[in-house]
Protein backbone atom coordinates (compact mmCIF):
# COMPACT_ATOMS: atom_id res chain seq x y z
CA MET A 1 0.00 0.00 0.00
CA ASP A 2 2.90 2.35 0.80
CA GLY A 3 4.28 1.75 -2.70
CA GLY A 4 1.23 3.51 -4.20
CA LYS A 5 1.91 6.82 -2.43
CA PRO A 6 5.06 7.71 -4.40
CA GLN A 7 3.14 7.02 -7.61
CA VAL A 8 0.30 9.30 -6.52
CA ALA A 9 2.77 12.02 -5.55
CA LEU A 10 4.54 11.60 -8.87
CA MET A 11 1.24 11.93 -10.77
CA GLU A 12 0.29 15.03 -8.79
CA GLY A 13 3.71 16.53 -9.49
CA SER A 14 3.35 15.78 -13.19
CA THR A 15 -0.09 17.40 -13.21
CA LYS A 16 1.32 20.56 -11.61
CA VAL A 17 4.14 20.66 -14.16
CA VAL A 18 1.62 20.30 -17.01
CA LYS A 19 -0.60 23.08 -15.58
CA THR A 20 2.43 25.32 -15.10
CA SER A 21 3.53 24.67 -18.67
CA GLU A 22 0.03 25.42 -19.95
CA LEU A 23 -0.02 28.66 -17.95
CA ILE A 24 3.37 29.71 -19.32
CA GLY A 25 2.21 28.85 -22.84
CA THR A 26 -0.97 30.87 -22.36
CA LEU A 27 0.93 33.90 -21.03
CA ALA A 28 3.45 33.67 -23.85
CA GLY A 29 0.66 33.46 -26.42
CA ALA A 30 -1.16 36.41 -24.83
CA THR A 31 2.06 38.43 -24.87
CA VAL A 32 2.62 37.73 -28.56
CA VAL A 33 -1.00 38.52 -29.47
CA GLY A 34 -0.96 41.66 -27.32
CA THR A 35 2.28 42.89 -28.90
CA ILE A 36 0.91 42.32 -32.40
CA ALA A 37 -2.40 44.03 -31.53
CA PHE A 38 -0.62 47.03 -29.98
CA SER A 39 1.68 47.30 -33.00
CA VAL A 40 -1.29 47.24 -35.39
CA ILE A 41 -3.22 49.83 -33.37
CA GLY A 42 -0.10 51.99 -33.06
CA TYR A 43 0.53 51.75 -36.80
CA ILE A 44 -3.06 52.72 -37.62
CA PHE A 45 -2.87 55.67 -35.22
CA ALA A 46 0.54 56.84 -36.46
CA ARG A 47 -0.32 56.49 -40.15
CA SER A 48 -3.64 58.32 -39.80
CA TYR A 49 -2.09 61.04 -37.62
CA LEU A 50 0.80 61.67 -40.02
CA ASP A 51 -1.60 61.62 -42.99
CA GLU A 52 -3.64 64.34 -41.31
CA LEU A 53 -0.50 66.37 -40.67
CA GLY A 54 0.61 65.95 -44.29
CA ALA A 55 3.66 63.77 -43.68
CA PRO A 56 2.68 60.13 -44.38
CA TRP A 57 6.28 59.39 -45.36
CA ALA A 58 7.34 59.86 -41.71
CA ILE A 59 5.81 56.49 -40.77
CA ASP A 60 9.05 54.89 -41.99
CA LEU A 61 10.93 56.73 -39.23
CA LEU A 62 8.98 55.05 -36.43
CA GLY A 63 10.17 51.80 -34.89
CA SER A 64 8.05 49.05 -33.34
CA THR A 65 8.61 50.40 -29.82
CA THR A 66 7.28 53.81 -30.84
CA LEU A 67 4.23 52.24 -32.47
CA ILE A 68 3.45 50.28 -29.30
CA THR A 69 3.82 53.48 -27.26
CA LEU A 70 1.41 55.33 -29.55
CA ALA A 71 -1.18 52.63 -28.86
CA ALA A 72 -1.03 53.31 -25.09
CA PRO A 73 -3.91 55.86 -24.92
CA VAL A 74 -6.24 53.56 -26.86
CA ALA A 75 -5.14 50.63 -24.71
CA ALA A 76 -5.84 52.60 -21.52
CA LEU A 77 -9.37 53.34 -22.74
CA PHE A 78 -9.79 49.70 -23.67
CA VAL A 79 -8.82 48.56 -20.15
CA LEU A 80 -11.20 51.14 -18.67
CA ALA A 81 -13.94 49.78 -20.92
CA LEU A 82 -13.22 46.22 -19.76
CA PHE A 83 -13.97 47.27 -16.19
CA GLY A 84 -17.01 49.09 -17.50
CA GLY A 85 -18.14 45.83 -19.07
CA THR A 86 -18.02 44.13 -15.67
CA VAL A 87 -20.26 46.81 -14.17
CA LEU A 88 -22.58 46.71 -17.18
CA LEU A 89 -22.86 42.93 -16.91
CA GLU A 90 -24.23 43.24 -13.38
CA SER A 91 -26.54 46.12 -14.29
CA VAL A 92 -28.01 44.86 -17.57
CA LYS A 93 -29.27 41.29 -17.42
CA ASP A 94 -30.78 41.06 -20.89
CA GLY A 95 -28.44 40.21 -23.78
CA LYS A 96 -30.71 41.95 -26.28
CA THR A 97 -30.46 45.17 -24.29
CA LEU A 98 -26.69 44.96 -24.46
CA LEU A 99 -26.93 44.46 -28.20
CA ILE A 100 -29.20 47.51 -28.58
CA ILE A 101 -26.92 49.70 -26.45
CA GLY A 102 -23.78 48.57 -28.27
CA THR A 103 -25.33 48.96 -31.73
CA SER A 104 -26.71 52.41 -30.84
CA ALA A 105 -23.27 53.50 -29.64
CA VAL A 106 -21.70 52.31 -32.92
CA ILE A 107 -24.32 54.26 -34.91
CA ILE A 108 -23.60 57.38 -32.85
CA CYS A 109 -19.88 56.89 -33.49
CA LEU A 110 -20.52 56.69 -37.22
CA ALA A 111 -22.61 59.87 -37.04
CA ILE A 112 -19.77 61.61 -35.18
CA TRP A 113 -17.33 60.33 -37.79
CA PHE A 114 -19.35 61.70 -40.72
CA THR A 115 -19.97 64.99 -38.94
CA SER A 116 -16.23 65.36 -38.30
CA GLU A 117 -15.64 65.35 -42.06
CA ILE A 118 -17.88 68.41 -42.37
CA PHE A 119 -16.78 70.41 -39.32
CA LYS A 120 -12.99 70.17 -39.16
CA GLY A 121 -12.09 73.07 -36.87
CA ALA A 122 -10.07 72.59 -33.69
CA ALA A 123 -13.05 73.21 -31.39
CA ALA A 124 -15.30 70.86 -33.38
CA SER A 125 -12.56 68.22 -33.47
CA THR A 126 -12.19 68.43 -29.69
CA ILE A 127 -15.94 67.90 -29.18
CA HIS A 128 -16.00 65.06 -31.70
CA LEU A 129 -13.04 63.41 -29.99
CA LEU A 130 -14.58 63.59 -26.51
CA LEU A 131 -17.93 62.22 -27.72
CA PHE A 132 -16.22 59.49 -29.69
CA LEU A 133 -14.13 58.43 -26.68
CA ILE A 134 -17.26 58.10 -24.55
CA MET A 135 -19.03 56.00 -27.18
CA TYR A 136 -15.87 53.91 -27.63
CA VAL A 137 -15.93 52.97 -23.95
CA VAL A 138 -19.65 52.13 -24.19
CA VAL A 139 -19.13 49.85 -27.21
CA VAL A 140 -16.20 47.96 -25.67
CA SER A 141 -18.08 47.63 -22.38
CA CYS A 142 -21.07 46.09 -24.16
CA LEU A 143 -18.86 43.68 -26.08
CA THR A 144 -17.05 42.72 -22.87
CA ALA A 145 -20.31 42.17 -20.97
CA HIS A 146 -21.69 40.06 -23.84
CA THR A 147 -18.57 37.88 -23.91
CA ARG A 148 -18.44 37.41 -20.14
CA ARG A 149 -22.15 36.50 -20.02
CA LYS A 150 -21.65 33.81 -22.66
CA LEU A 151 -18.62 32.40 -20.85
CA ARG A 152 -20.43 32.45 -17.51
CA GLU A 153 -23.39 30.56 -18.99
CA GLY A 154 -21.11 28.08 -20.71
CA GLN A 155 -22.45 29.04 -24.13
CA PRO A 156 -20.51 29.72 -27.33
CA ILE A 157 -19.69 33.42 -27.67
CA PHE A 158 -20.79 33.29 -31.31
CA ALA A 159 -24.06 31.37 -31.47
CA ASN A 160 -26.52 33.66 -33.20
CA VAL A 161 -26.01 34.82 -36.78
CA ILE A 162 -27.23 38.38 -36.27
CA ARG A 163 -25.50 38.84 -32.94
CA ASP A 164 -22.33 37.26 -34.33
CA TYR A 165 -22.35 39.67 -37.24
CA VAL A 166 -22.82 42.67 -34.95
CA ALA A 167 -20.14 41.45 -32.52
CA PHE A 168 -17.71 40.87 -35.39
CA ALA A 169 -18.47 44.31 -36.83
CA ILE A 170 -17.82 45.86 -33.41
CA LEU A 171 -14.55 43.93 -33.15
CA ILE A 172 -13.42 45.29 -36.52
CA TRP A 173 -14.55 48.75 -35.44
CA LEU A 174 -12.21 48.59 -32.44
CA PHE A 175 -9.28 48.65 -34.84
CA ALA A 176 -10.88 51.45 -36.88
CA ALA A 177 -11.29 53.66 -33.80
CA PRO A 178 -7.58 54.65 -33.61
CA HIS A 179 -7.96 56.09 -37.13
CA PHE A 180 -10.60 58.54 -35.90
CA PHE A 181 -8.64 59.40 -32.76
CA ALA A 182 -5.57 60.17 -34.84
CA LYS A 183 -7.42 62.36 -37.34
CA ALA A 184 -9.06 64.39 -34.56
CA VAL A 185 -5.77 64.88 -32.72
CA GLY A 186 -4.03 65.74 -35.99
CA ARG A 187 -6.56 68.47 -36.77
CA ILE A 188 -6.05 70.01 -33.34
CA HIS A 189 -2.26 69.84 -33.62
CA THR A 190 -2.16 71.47 -37.07
CA ASN A 191 -4.42 74.38 -36.17
CA PRO A 192 -2.16 77.47 -36.02
CA THR A 193 -4.24 78.99 -33.24
CA TYR A 194 -5.02 76.00 -31.02
CA SER A 195 -2.12 73.61 -31.65
CA THR A 196 -0.81 71.98 -28.47
CA LEU A 197 2.44 70.80 -30.05
CA ALA A 198 5.52 72.07 -28.23
CA ARG A 199 7.15 75.16 -29.69
CA THR A 200 10.71 74.81 -30.91
CA HIS A 201 13.27 76.72 -32.96
CA PHE A 202 16.69 76.26 -34.48
CA ILE A 203 19.53 77.46 -32.30
CA ASP A 204 20.76 79.78 -35.04
CA GLN A 205 17.23 80.93 -35.98
CA PRO A 206 15.49 81.80 -32.67
CA ASN A 207 12.81 83.95 -34.30
CA THR A 208 11.43 81.24 -36.59
CA GLU A 209 8.91 79.08 -34.77
CA TRP A 210 8.46 75.37 -35.46
CA ARG A 211 6.44 72.72 -33.63
CA LEU A 212 7.85 69.44 -32.34
CA VAL A 213 5.82 66.55 -33.74
CA LYS A 214 7.88 63.64 -32.46
CA ALA A 215 11.32 62.98 -31.01
CA ILE A 216 12.76 59.90 -32.71
CA GLY A 217 15.96 58.77 -31.04
CA ASP A 218 18.53 61.54 -31.50
CA LYS A 219 16.45 63.23 -34.18
CA ALA A 220 13.23 65.22 -34.22
CA LEU A 221 10.36 65.58 -36.66
CA ILE A 222 9.38 69.26 -36.65
CA LEU A 223 6.59 71.14 -38.38
CA LYS A 224 6.07 74.74 -39.45
CA LEU A 225 2.34 75.37 -39.08
CA ALA A 226 0.19 76.78 -41.87
CA GLU A 227 -3.50 76.92 -42.74
CA THR A 228 -3.28 74.36 -45.56
CA VAL A 229 -1.41 71.09 -45.96
CA ASP A 230 0.49 72.33 -49.01
CA GLU A 231 1.90 75.26 -47.05
CA ARG A 232 3.17 73.17 -44.13
CA GLU A 233 6.86 72.41 -43.94
CA PHE A 234 8.45 69.40 -42.27
CA ARG A 235 12.03 68.65 -41.35
CA VAL A 236 13.87 65.80 -39.67
CA VAL A 237 16.75 67.34 -37.75
CA PRO A 238 19.27 66.36 -35.05
CA MET A 239 18.01 67.21 -31.57
CA GLU A 240 21.14 69.21 -30.75
CA LYS A 241 20.28 71.73 -33.48
CA ILE A 242 16.99 72.82 -31.93
CA ARG A 243 15.70 74.13 -28.65
CA VAL A 244 12.26 73.26 -27.32
CA SER A 245 10.51 76.17 -25.66
CA ALA A 246 9.33 75.83 -22.08
CA LYS A 247 6.52 78.23 -22.92
CA ARG A 248 3.12 76.59 -22.79
CA PRO A 249 1.73 75.87 -26.30
CA SER A 250 -1.32 77.89 -27.39
């Protein structure tokens, strides 16, 4: 009888090793997926932002680390929305209600998107951005609550054709959202009156104002503001050739 105990202990040890290996594999997989997702979101944001500024070529200057960093604001909102989904799950018990709320939020986002193409001023862009951020959190919260409800009930997350289509559309929309964020921020940054980009100037040309778009290693992408894209001027210069003003941007 005593001979069976070592075998039981050995089996339990093997089970723990297997579970640990599965956990490590899961974490490694999540890390890879997260890195890829952040890179994609960062690329979408950077490309759309630089397009709005008028310098799409500058995307080639950005490394993977910079792209991941650019995705941080969207990621922070996403995490906030995940917590919002937990609260929403406890507050809204009906799956159809979640679907209606999420779909309505997406429709509002689309309306904001179309409106932003008509009213492109800095003030309008700020309002559009704030409204869009709120709706973004609502959409992600609904999607999170829907997913958690399905998992809690032991049901497939995708089990209804219509709901699956809506959920998939929302999922695709999550990656389209950074495009809108970037365009709105770009319009604010390129407005000569309301731009929040840091002021800078060349050491040997202190009276000519530029704006710092992005520091890239030992170089800087700078912009001379103008009303139209064609009139804007960009330069990539060594950091030691410029001075960034401590004066608060307008």
